[in-house]
Each structure stands twice: as structure tokens, then as C-alpha cells.
Amino acid sequence: MRIAKIIGNVVLSRSHPSLSGASLRLAVPMMLDELQNETEPSGECLVVWDDHGAGNGSMIAISESGEAAQPFRPELKPVDAYNSAILDTLRLS
């Protein structure tokens, strides 16, 4: 699981029927130094399945790969990343 920042929405004119019921968000995973210094993320963007309603600028916890599809079992969804949680507060020690 990684922490990422939402930077936008993904809009599709057509999508697979199994993708209904949530939104696709564009997020950038954050490195530890970016979290500690509260700087903007500089990594590559990824598309995240979001059924929690995260908005632009929200910090989220993401699951990737096979773990991203686990919340939907036994149904299959073609997702690579899943928004597991919206983070209200982040405290680093």
C-alpha cells in the first residue's frame, strides 16, 4: 500500500460495464521525502478506482496490482489501483 495525491479525474466516453458505480481518478504516488517536506509529488501518474469520493488534492491510500482487485471478489474488475482510504491526517515519526 502506498500514499498518493489526487490530481485529477479520468473521463471516458465509453467504458467496460463492470466499471460503473465509481470514478476513475488520476493520482501521483508520493515518496517519503515529499510527505515529510509537504512538497508536490513528482512521480508518474496512475489511474485509481475510487468509490469513496476523493476530490482533487486529497491524500489517499492505494492498493495496486492483484490487491487492487480483491475488494471486488468474486466479481472481476479491470483495475490496476484501488483507493483503499481517504487520509484525513498524516503523522510521520
PDB file of N, CA and C in Angstrom:
ATOM      1  N   MET A   1       0.851  -1.160   0.000  1.00  0.00           N
ATOM      2  CA  MET A   1       0.000   0.000   0.000  1.00  0.00           C
ATOM      3  C   MET A   1       0.901   1.227   0.000  1.00  0.00           C
ATOM      4  N   ARG A   2       0.496   2.212  -0.815  1.00  0.00           N
ATOM      5  CA  ARG A   2       1.245   3.470  -0.909  1.00  0.00           C
ATOM      6  C   ARG A   2       0.297   4.643  -0.684  1.00  0.00           C
ATOM      7  N   ILE A   3       0.889   5.799  -0.433  1.00  0.00           N
ATOM      8  CA  ILE A   3       0.117   7.032  -0.277  1.00  0.00           C
ATOM      9  C   ILE A   3       0.254   7.821  -1.566  1.00  0.00           C
ATOM     10  N   ALA A   4      -0.864   8.371  -2.031  1.00  0.00           N
ATOM     11  CA  ALA A   4      -0.858   9.144  -3.274  1.00  0.00           C
ATOM     12  C   ALA A   4      -1.718  10.386  -3.106  1.00  0.00           C
ATOM     13  N   LYS A   5      -1.524  11.327  -4.021  1.00  0.00           N
ATOM     14  CA  LYS A   5      -2.312  12.563  -4.031  1.00  0.00           C
ATOM     15  C   LYS A   5      -3.143  12.595  -5.305  1.00  0.00           C
ATOM     16  N   ILE A   6      -4.432  12.888  -5.164  1.00  0.00           N
ATOM     17  CA  ILE A   6      -5.327  13.000  -6.328  1.00  0.00           C
ATOM     18  C   ILE A   6      -5.033  14.312  -7.039  1.00  0.00           C
ATOM     19  N   ILE A   7      -4.801  14.231  -8.364  1.00  0.00           N
ATOM     20  CA  ILE A   7      -4.527  15.444  -9.131  1.00  0.00           C
ATOM     21  C   ILE A   7      -5.544  15.688 -10.239  1.00  0.00           C
ATOM     22  N   GLY A   8      -6.493  14.780 -10.424  1.00  0.00           N
ATOM     23  CA  GLY A   8      -7.493  14.991 -11.466  1.00  0.00           C
ATOM     24  C   GLY A   8      -8.438  13.825 -11.629  1.00  0.00           C
ATOM     25  N   ASN A   9      -9.354  13.968 -12.568  1.00  0.00           N
ATOM     26  CA  ASN A   9     -10.346  12.943 -12.888  1.00  0.00           C
ATOM     27  C   ASN A   9     -10.043  12.357 -14.253  1.00  0.00           C
ATOM     28  N   VAL A  10     -10.504  11.133 -14.465  1.00  0.00           N
ATOM     29  CA  VAL A  10     -10.406  10.491 -15.771  1.00  0.00           C
ATOM     30  C   VAL A  10     -11.822  10.391 -16.311  1.00  0.00           C
ATOM     31  N   VAL A  11     -12.028  10.895 -17.514  1.00  0.00           N
ATOM     32  CA  VAL A  11     -13.351  10.878 -18.137  1.00  0.00           C
ATOM     33  C   VAL A  11     -13.290   9.976 -19.367  1.00  0.00           C
ATOM     34  N   LEU A  12     -14.224   9.032 -19.429  1.00  0.00           N
ATOM     35  CA  LEU A  12     -14.289   8.100 -20.553  1.00  0.00           C
ATOM     36  C   LEU A  12     -15.591   8.298 -21.312  1.00  0.00           C
ATOM     37  N   SER A  13     -15.529   8.251 -22.629  1.00  0.00           N
ATOM     38  CA  SER A  13     -16.768   8.333 -23.403  1.00  0.00           C
ATOM     39  C   SER A  13     -17.472   6.972 -23.419  1.00  0.00           C
ATOM     40  N   ARG A  14     -16.694   5.891 -23.344  1.00  0.00           N
ATOM     41  CA  ARG A  14     -17.242   4.538 -23.255  1.00  0.00           C
ATOM     42  C   ARG A  14     -16.356   3.754 -22.297  1.00  0.00           C
ATOM     43  N   SER A  15     -16.958   2.873 -21.536  1.00  0.00           N
ATOM     44  CA  SER A  15     -16.165   2.056 -20.619  1.00  0.00           C
ATOM     45  C   SER A  15     -16.780   0.671 -20.478  1.00  0.00           C
ATOM     46  N   HIS A  16     -16.019  -0.209 -19.908  1.00  0.00           N
ATOM     47  CA  HIS A  16     -16.483  -1.567 -19.651  1.00  0.00           C
ATOM     48  C   HIS A  16     -17.631  -1.499 -18.641  1.00  0.00           C
ATOM     49  N   PRO A  17     -18.709  -2.258 -18.833  1.00  0.00           N
ATOM     50  CA  PRO A  17     -19.860  -2.214 -17.913  1.00  0.00           C
ATOM     51  C   PRO A  17     -19.504  -2.465 -16.449  1.00  0.00           C
ATOM     52  N   SER A  18     -18.461  -3.218 -16.175  1.00  0.00           N
ATOM     53  CA  SER A  18     -18.091  -3.505 -14.785  1.00  0.00           C
ATOM     54  C   SER A  18     -17.498  -2.284 -14.072  1.00  0.00           C
ATOM     55  N   LEU A  19     -17.213  -1.214 -14.813  1.00  0.00           N
ATOM     56  CA  LEU A  19     -16.635  -0.019 -14.201  1.00  0.00           C
ATOM     57  C   LEU A  19     -17.678   0.973 -13.699  1.00  0.00           C
ATOM     58  N   SER A  20     -18.954   0.644 -13.805  1.00  0.00           N
ATOM     59  CA  SER A  20     -19.975   1.577 -13.319  1.00  0.00           C
ATOM     60  C   SER A  20     -20.035   1.547 -11.796  1.00  0.00           C
ATOM     61  N   GLY A  21     -20.438   2.659 -11.198  1.00  0.00           N
ATOM     62  CA  GLY A  21     -20.598   2.720  -9.751  1.00  0.00           C
ATOM     63  C   GLY A  21     -19.497   3.427  -9.014  1.00  0.00           C
ATOM     64  N   ALA A  22     -18.471   3.888  -9.700  1.00  0.00           N
ATOM     65  CA  ALA A  22     -17.381   4.611  -9.045  1.00  0.00           C
ATOM     66  C   ALA A  22     -16.743   5.542 -10.068  1.00  0.00           C
ATOM     67  N   SER A  23     -15.704   6.234  -9.652  1.00  0.00           N
ATOM     68  CA  SER A  23     -14.996   7.165 -10.527  1.00  0.00           C
ATOM     69  C   SER A  23     -13.564   6.714 -10.714  1.00  0.00           C
ATOM     70  N   LEU A  24     -12.985   7.139 -11.792  1.00  0.00           N
ATOM     71  CA  LEU A  24     -11.565   6.926 -12.024  1.00  0.00           C
ATOM     72  C   LEU A  24     -10.860   8.245 -11.751  1.00  0.00           C
ATOM     73  N   ARG A  25      -9.847   8.211 -10.930  1.00  0.00           N
ATOM     74  CA  ARG A  25      -9.092   9.398 -10.548  1.00  0.00           C
ATOM     75  C   ARG A  25      -7.650   9.251 -11.010  1.00  0.00           C
ATOM     76  N   LEU A  26      -7.030  10.391 -11.268  1.00  0.00           N
ATOM     77  CA  LEU A  26      -5.616  10.438 -11.609  1.00  0.00           C
ATOM     78  C   LEU A  26      -4.861  10.790 -10.334  1.00  0.00           C
ATOM     79  N   ALA A  27      -3.906   9.947  -9.953  1.00  0.00           N
ATOM     80  CA  ALA A  27      -3.172  10.151  -8.704  1.00  0.00           C
ATOM     81  C   ALA A  27      -1.679   9.977  -8.931  1.00  0.00           C
ATOM     82  N   VAL A  28      -0.892  10.636  -8.063  1.00  0.00           N
ATOM     83  CA  VAL A  28       0.563  10.521  -8.107  1.00  0.00           C
ATOM     84  C   VAL A  28       1.030   9.949  -6.778  1.00  0.00           C
ATOM     85  N   PRO A  29       1.668   8.769  -6.785  1.00  0.00           N
ATOM     86  CA  PRO A  29       2.220   8.223  -5.538  1.00  0.00           C
ATOM     87  C   PRO A  29       3.300   9.145  -4.992  1.00  0.00           C
ATOM     88  N   MET A  30       3.378   9.231  -3.659  1.00  0.00           N
ATOM     89  CA  MET A  30       4.324  10.141  -3.018  1.00  0.00           C
ATOM     90  C   MET A  30       5.446   9.369  -2.345  1.00  0.00           C
ATOM     91  N   MET A  31       6.639   9.942  -2.410  1.00  0.00           N
ATOM     92  CA  MET A  31       7.814   9.390  -1.750  1.00  0.00           C
ATOM     93  C   MET A  31       7.879   9.943  -0.323  1.00  0.00           C
ATOM     94  N   LEU A  32       8.672   9.306   0.543  1.00  0.00           N
ATOM     95  CA  LEU A  32       8.766   9.714   1.940  1.00  0.00           C
ATOM     96  C   LEU A  32       9.232  11.160   2.087  1.00  0.00           C
ATOM     97  N   ASP A  33      10.230  11.580   1.324  1.00  0.00           N
ATOM     98  CA  ASP A  33      10.715  12.962   1.448  1.00  0.00           C
ATOM     99  C   ASP A  33       9.661  13.975   1.004  1.00  0.00           C
ATOM    100  N   GLU A  34       8.826  13.628   0.038  1.00  0.00           N
ATOM    101  CA  GLU A  34       7.738  14.518  -0.383  1.00  0.00           C
ATOM    102  C   GLU A  34       6.685  14.628   0.720  1.00  0.00           C
ATOM    103  N   LEU A  35       6.417  13.536   1.418  1.00  0.00           N
ATOM    104  CA  LEU A  35       5.466  13.559   2.524  1.00  0.00           C
ATOM    105  C   LEU A  35       6.018  14.351   3.706  1.00  0.00           C
ATOM    106  N   GLN A  36       7.293  14.151   4.036  1.00  0.00           N
ATOM    107  CA  GLN A  36       7.897  14.840   5.168  1.00  0.00           C
ATOM    108  C   GLN A  36       8.007  16.342   4.931  1.00  0.00           C
ATOM    109  N   ASN A  37       8.363  16.737   3.711  1.00  0.00           N
ATOM    110  CA  ASN A  37       8.565  18.159   3.399  1.00  0.00           C
ATOM    111  C   ASN A  37       7.319  18.835   2.845  1.00  0.00           C
ATOM    112  N   GLU A  38       6.234  18.051   2.715  1.00  0.00           N
ATOM    113  CA  GLU A  38       4.972  18.547   2.176  1.00  0.00           C
ATOM    114  C   GLU A  38       5.155  19.248   0.833  1.00  0.00           C
ATOM    115  N   THR A  39       5.955  18.608  -0.051  1.00  0.00           N
ATOM    116  CA  THR A  39       6.156  19.122  -1.399  1.00  0.00           C
ATOM    117  C   THR A  39       5.248  18.374  -2.370  1.00  0.00           C
ATOM    118  N   GLU A  40       5.100  18.925  -3.552  1.00  0.00           N
ATOM    119  CA  GLU A  40       4.263  18.296  -4.569  1.00  0.00           C
ATOM    120  C   GLU A  40       4.917  17.007  -5.068  1.00  0.00           C
ATOM    121  N   PRO A  41       4.119  15.975  -5.330  1.00  0.00           N
ATOM    122  CA  PRO A  41       4.679  14.711  -5.822  1.00  0.00           C
ATOM    123  C   PRO A  41       5.250  14.866  -7.228  1.00  0.00           C
ATOM    124  N   SER A  42       6.322  14.124  -7.497  1.00  0.00           N
ATOM    125  CA  SER A  42       6.981  14.241  -8.799  1.00  0.00           C
ATOM    126  C   SER A  42       7.015  12.925  -9.567  1.00  0.00           C
ATOM    127  N   GLY A  43       6.346  11.902  -9.064  1.00  0.00           N
ATOM    128  CA  GLY A  43       6.350  10.593  -9.715  1.00  0.00           C
ATOM    129  C   GLY A  43       5.407  10.529 -10.908  1.00  0.00           C
ATOM    130  N   GLU A  44       5.302   9.344 -11.472  1.00  0.00           N
ATOM    131  CA  GLU A  44       4.404   9.116 -12.602  1.00  0.00           C
ATOM    132  C   GLU A  44       2.968   8.961 -12.117  1.00  0.00           C
ATOM    133  N   CYS A  45       2.037   9.458 -12.905  1.00  0.00           N
ATOM    134  CA  CYS A  45       0.609   9.372 -12.581  1.00  0.00           C
ATOM    135  C   CYS A  45       0.093   7.959 -12.824  1.00  0.00           C
ATOM    136  N   LEU A  46      -0.955   7.608 -12.085  1.00  0.00           N
ATOM    137  CA  LEU A  46      -1.647   6.354 -12.349  1.00  0.00           C
ATOM    138  C   LEU A  46      -3.141   6.555 -12.160  1.00  0.00           C
ATOM    139  N   VAL A  47      -3.909   5.693 -12.803  1.00  0.00           N
ATOM    140  CA  VAL A  47      -5.366   5.768 -12.723  1.00  0.00           C
ATOM    141  C   VAL A  47      -5.819   4.879 -11.571  1.00  0.00           C
ATOM    142  N   VAL A  48      -6.669   5.454 -10.695  1.00  0.00           N
ATOM    143  CA  VAL A  48      -7.111   4.777  -9.475  1.00  0.00           C
ATOM    144  C   VAL A  48      -8.631   4.654  -9.479  1.00  0.00           C
ATOM    145  N   TRP A  49      -9.146   3.473  -9.161  1.00  0.00           N
ATOM    146  CA  TRP A  49     -10.580   3.229  -8.981  1.00  0.00           C
ATOM    147  C   TRP A  49     -10.966   3.828  -7.637  1.00  0.00           C
ATOM    148  N   ASP A  50     -11.951   4.737  -7.629  1.00  0.00           N
ATOM    149  CA  ASP A  50     -12.325   5.431  -6.399  1.00  0.00           C
ATOM    150  C   ASP A  50     -13.824   5.343  -6.172  1.00  0.00           C
ATOM    151  N   ASP A  51     -14.233   4.586  -5.160  1.00  0.00           N
ATOM    152  CA  ASP A  51     -15.645   4.552  -4.805  1.00  0.00           C
ATOM    153  C   ASP A  51     -15.893   5.238  -3.462  1.00  0.00           C
ATOM    154  N   HIS A  52     -14.886   5.985  -2.975  1.00  0.00           N
ATOM    155  CA  HIS A  52     -15.016   6.723  -1.717  1.00  0.00           C
ATOM    156  C   HIS A  52     -15.308   8.202  -1.931  1.00  0.00           C
ATOM    157  N   GLY A  53     -15.136   8.710  -3.140  1.00  0.00           N
ATOM    158  CA  GLY A  53     -15.432  10.110  -3.432  1.00  0.00           C
ATOM    159  C   GLY A  53     -14.308  11.077  -3.119  1.00  0.00           C
ATOM    160  N   ALA A  54     -13.061  10.666  -3.310  1.00  0.00           N
ATOM    161  CA  ALA A  54     -11.918  11.556  -3.071  1.00  0.00           C
ATOM    162  C   ALA A  54     -11.921  12.692  -4.091  1.00  0.00           C
ATOM    163  N   GLY A  55     -11.558  13.879  -3.641  1.00  0.00           N
ATOM    164  CA  GLY A  55     -11.513  15.042  -4.526  1.00  0.00           C
ATOM    165  C   GLY A  55     -10.087  15.423  -4.860  1.00  0.00           C
ATOM    166  N   ASN A  56      -9.938  16.390  -5.749  1.00  0.00           N
ATOM    167  CA  ASN A  56      -8.615  16.874  -6.121  1.00  0.00           C
ATOM    168  C   ASN A  56      -7.884  17.381  -4.887  1.00  0.00           C
ATOM    169  N   GLY A  57      -6.617  16.990  -4.755  1.00  0.00           N
ATOM    170  CA  GLY A  57      -5.805  17.380  -3.615  1.00  0.00           C
ATOM    171  C   GLY A  57      -5.889  16.426  -2.442  1.00  0.00           C
ATOM    172  N   SER A  58      -6.806  15.472  -2.471  1.00  0.00           N
ATOM    173  CA  SER A  58      -6.946  14.508  -1.367  1.00  0.00           C
ATOM    174  C   SER A  58      -5.757  13.561  -1.321  1.00  0.00           C
ATOM    175  N   MET A  59      -5.351  13.212  -0.106  1.00  0.00           N
ATOM    176  CA  MET A  59      -4.329  12.198   0.101  1.00  0.00           C
ATOM    177  C   MET A  59      -5.077  10.877   0.297  1.00  0.00           C
ATOM    178  N   ILE A  60      -4.645   9.847  -0.415  1.00  0.00           N
ATOM    179  CA  ILE A  60      -5.329   8.559  -0.343  1.00  0.00           C
ATOM    180  C   ILE A  60      -4.319   7.437  -0.142  1.00  0.00           C
ATOM    181  N   ALA A  61      -4.812   6.304   0.359  1.00  0.00           N
ATOM    182  CA  ALA A  61      -4.017   5.076   0.442  1.00  0.00           C
ATOM    183  C   ALA A  61      -4.445   4.217  -0.737  1.00  0.00           C
ATOM    184  N   ILE A  62      -3.474   3.748  -1.507  1.00  0.00           N
ATOM    185  CA  ILE A  62      -3.809   2.955  -2.686  1.00  0.00           C
ATOM    186  C   ILE A  62      -3.242   1.541  -2.589  1.00  0.00           C
ATOM    187  N   SER A  63      -4.022   0.604  -3.087  1.00  0.00           N
ATOM    188  CA  SER A  63      -3.582  -0.775  -3.271  1.00  0.00           C
ATOM    189  C   SER A  63      -3.358  -0.947  -4.762  1.00  0.00           C
ATOM    190  N   GLU A  64      -2.343  -1.699  -5.116  1.00  0.00           N
ATOM    191  CA  GLU A  64      -2.023  -1.875  -6.531  1.00  0.00           C
ATOM    192  C   GLU A  64      -1.939  -3.348  -6.892  1.00  0.00           C
ATOM    193  N   SER A  65      -1.934  -3.611  -8.184  1.00  0.00           N
ATOM    194  CA  SER A  65      -1.775  -4.959  -8.739  1.00  0.00           C
ATOM    195  C   SER A  65      -2.905  -5.879  -8.336  1.00  0.00           C
ATOM    196  N   GLY A  66      -2.578  -7.101  -7.973  1.00  0.00           N
ATOM    197  CA  GLY A  66      -3.586  -8.090  -7.605  1.00  0.00           C
ATOM    198  C   GLY A  66      -4.409  -7.675  -6.404  1.00  0.00           C
ATOM    199  N   GLU A  67      -3.786  -6.958  -5.462  1.00  0.00           N
ATOM    200  CA  GLU A  67      -4.501  -6.490  -4.278  1.00  0.00           C
ATOM    201  C   GLU A  67      -5.585  -5.478  -4.634  1.00  0.00           C
ATOM    202  N   ALA A  68      -5.424  -4.755  -5.728  1.00  0.00           N
ATOM    203  CA  ALA A  68      -6.410  -3.753  -6.137  1.00  0.00           C
ATOM    204  C   ALA A  68      -7.732  -4.390  -6.537  1.00  0.00           C
ATOM    205  N   ALA A  69      -7.699  -5.609  -7.030  1.00  0.00           N
ATOM    206  CA  ALA A  69      -8.923  -6.281  -7.474  1.00  0.00           C
ATOM    207  C   ALA A  69      -9.605  -7.073  -6.353  1.00  0.00           C
ATOM    208  N   GLN A  70      -8.957  -7.253  -5.216  1.00  0.00           N
ATOM    209  CA  GLN A  70      -9.507  -8.072  -4.138  1.00  0.00           C
ATOM    210  C   GLN A  70     -10.833  -7.562  -3.558  1.00  0.00           C
ATOM    211  N   PRO A  71     -11.063  -6.249  -3.431  1.00  0.00           N
ATOM    212  CA  PRO A  71     -12.342  -5.809  -2.854  1.00  0.00           C
ATOM    213  C   PRO A  71     -13.565  -6.206  -3.672  1.00  0.00           C
ATOM    214  N   PHE A  72     -13.375  -6.606  -4.912  1.00  0.00           N
ATOM    215  CA  PHE A  72     -14.497  -6.901  -5.799  1.00  0.00           C
ATOM    216  C   PHE A  72     -14.794  -8.387  -5.933  1.00  0.00           C
ATOM    217  N   ARG A  73     -14.022  -9.239  -5.304  1.00  0.00           N
ATOM    218  CA  ARG A  73     -14.212 -10.685  -5.445  1.00  0.00           C
ATOM    219  C   ARG A  73     -15.578 -11.115  -4.979  1.00  0.00           C
ATOM    220  N   PRO A  74     -16.236 -12.007  -5.635  1.00  0.00           N
ATOM    221  CA  PRO A  74     -15.800 -12.838  -6.755  1.00  0.00           C
ATOM    222  C   PRO A  74     -15.956 -12.152  -8.111  1.00  0.00           C
ATOM    223  N   GLU A  75     -16.519 -10.945  -8.142  1.00  0.00           N
ATOM    224  CA  GLU A  75     -16.640 -10.206  -9.402  1.00  0.00           C
ATOM    225  C   GLU A  75     -15.250  -9.755  -9.855  1.00  0.00           C
ATOM    226  N   LEU A  76     -15.048  -9.679 -11.162  1.00  0.00           N
ATOM    227  CA  LEU A  76     -13.779  -9.225 -11.702  1.00  0.00           C
ATOM    228  C   LEU A  76     -13.915  -7.814 -12.256  1.00  0.00           C
ATOM    229  N   LYS A  77     -12.960  -6.951 -11.933  1.00  0.00           N
ATOM    230  CA  LYS A  77     -12.924  -5.598 -12.485  1.00  0.00           C
ATOM    231  C   LYS A  77     -11.515  -5.350 -13.032  1.00  0.00           C
ATOM    232  N   PRO A  78     -11.419  -4.717 -14.207  1.00  0.00           N
ATOM    233  CA  PRO A  78     -10.110  -4.466 -14.809  1.00  0.00           C
ATOM    234  C   PRO A  78      -9.446  -3.221 -14.214  1.00  0.00           C
ATOM    235  N   VAL A  79      -8.990  -3.297 -12.959  1.00  0.00           N
ATOM    236  CA  VAL A  79      -8.342  -2.153 -12.313  1.00  0.00           C
ATOM    237  C   VAL A  79      -6.918  -2.516 -11.905  1.00  0.00           C
ATOM    238  N   ASP A  80      -6.037  -1.525 -11.938  1.00  0.00           N
ATOM    239  CA  ASP A  80      -4.650  -1.707 -11.507  1.00  0.00           C
ATOM    240  C   ASP A  80      -4.374  -1.048 -10.169  1.00  0.00           C
ATOM    241  N   ALA A  81      -5.223  -0.081  -9.774  1.00  0.00           N
ATOM    242  CA  ALA A  81      -5.036   0.598  -8.497  1.00  0.00           C
ATOM    243  C   ALA A  81      -6.409   0.925  -7.909  1.00  0.00           C
ATOM    244  N   TYR A  82      -6.512   0.799  -6.583  1.00  0.00           N
ATOM    245  CA  TYR A  82      -7.774   0.982  -5.866  1.00  0.00           C
ATOM    246  C   TYR A  82      -7.563   1.944  -4.700  1.00  0.00           C
ATOM    247  N   ASN A  83      -8.458   2.921  -4.554  1.00  0.00           N
ATOM    248  CA  ASN A  83      -8.409   3.838  -3.421  1.00  0.00           C
ATOM    249  C   ASN A  83      -8.947   3.114  -2.194  1.00  0.00           C
ATOM    250  N   SER A  84      -8.061   2.701  -1.304  1.00  0.00           N
ATOM    251  CA  SER A  84      -8.442   1.961  -0.108  1.00  0.00           C
ATOM    252  C   SER A  84      -8.955   2.862   1.000  1.00  0.00           C
ATOM    253  N   ALA A  85      -8.484   4.124   1.037  1.00  0.00           N
ATOM    254  CA  ALA A  85      -8.880   5.038   2.114  1.00  0.00           C
ATOM    255  C   ALA A  85      -8.549   6.473   1.745  1.00  0.00           C
ATOM    256  N   ILE A  86      -9.362   7.393   2.246  1.00  0.00           N
ATOM    257  CA  ILE A  86      -9.044   8.819   2.162  1.00  0.00           C
ATOM    258  C   ILE A  86      -8.393   9.179   3.494  1.00  0.00           C
ATOM    259  N   LEU A  87      -7.223   9.789   3.445  1.00  0.00           N
ATOM    260  CA  LEU A  87      -6.472  10.101   4.656  1.00  0.00           C
ATOM    261  C   LEU A  87      -6.776  11.529   5.107  1.00  0.00           C
ATOM    262  N   ASP A  88      -7.318  11.664   6.303  1.00  0.00           N
ATOM    263  CA  ASP A  88      -7.618  12.979   6.859  1.00  0.00           C
ATOM    264  C   ASP A  88      -6.365  13.617   7.459  1.00  0.00           C
ATOM    265  N   THR A  89      -5.604  12.826   8.195  1.00  0.00           N
ATOM    266  CA  THR A  89      -4.418  13.312   8.869  1.00  0.00           C
ATOM    267  C   THR A  89      -3.282  12.330   8.638  1.00  0.00           C
ATOM    268  N   LEU A  90      -2.092  12.857   8.420  1.00  0.00           N
ATOM    269  CA  LEU A  90      -0.920  12.025   8.224  1.00  0.00           C
ATOM    270  C   LEU A  90       0.157  12.500   9.189  1.00  0.00           C
ATOM    271  N   ARG A  91       0.568  11.618  10.090  1.00  0.00           N
ATOM    272  CA  ARG A  91       1.577  11.958  11.091  1.00  0.00           C
ATOM    273  C   ARG A  91       2.784  11.057  10.862  1.00  0.00           C
ATOM    274  N   LEU A  92       3.922  11.642  10.531  1.00  0.00           N
ATOM    275  CA  LEU A  92       5.145  10.878  10.282  1.00  0.00           C
ATOM    276  C   LEU A  92       6.082  11.017  11.474  1.00  0.00           C
ATOM    277  N   SER A  93       6.657   9.904  11.900  1.00  0.00           N
ATOM    278  CA  SER A  93       7.583   9.947  13.036  1.00  0.00           C
ATOM    279  C   SER A  93       9.002   9.794  12.577  1.00  0.00           C
TER     280      SER A  93
END
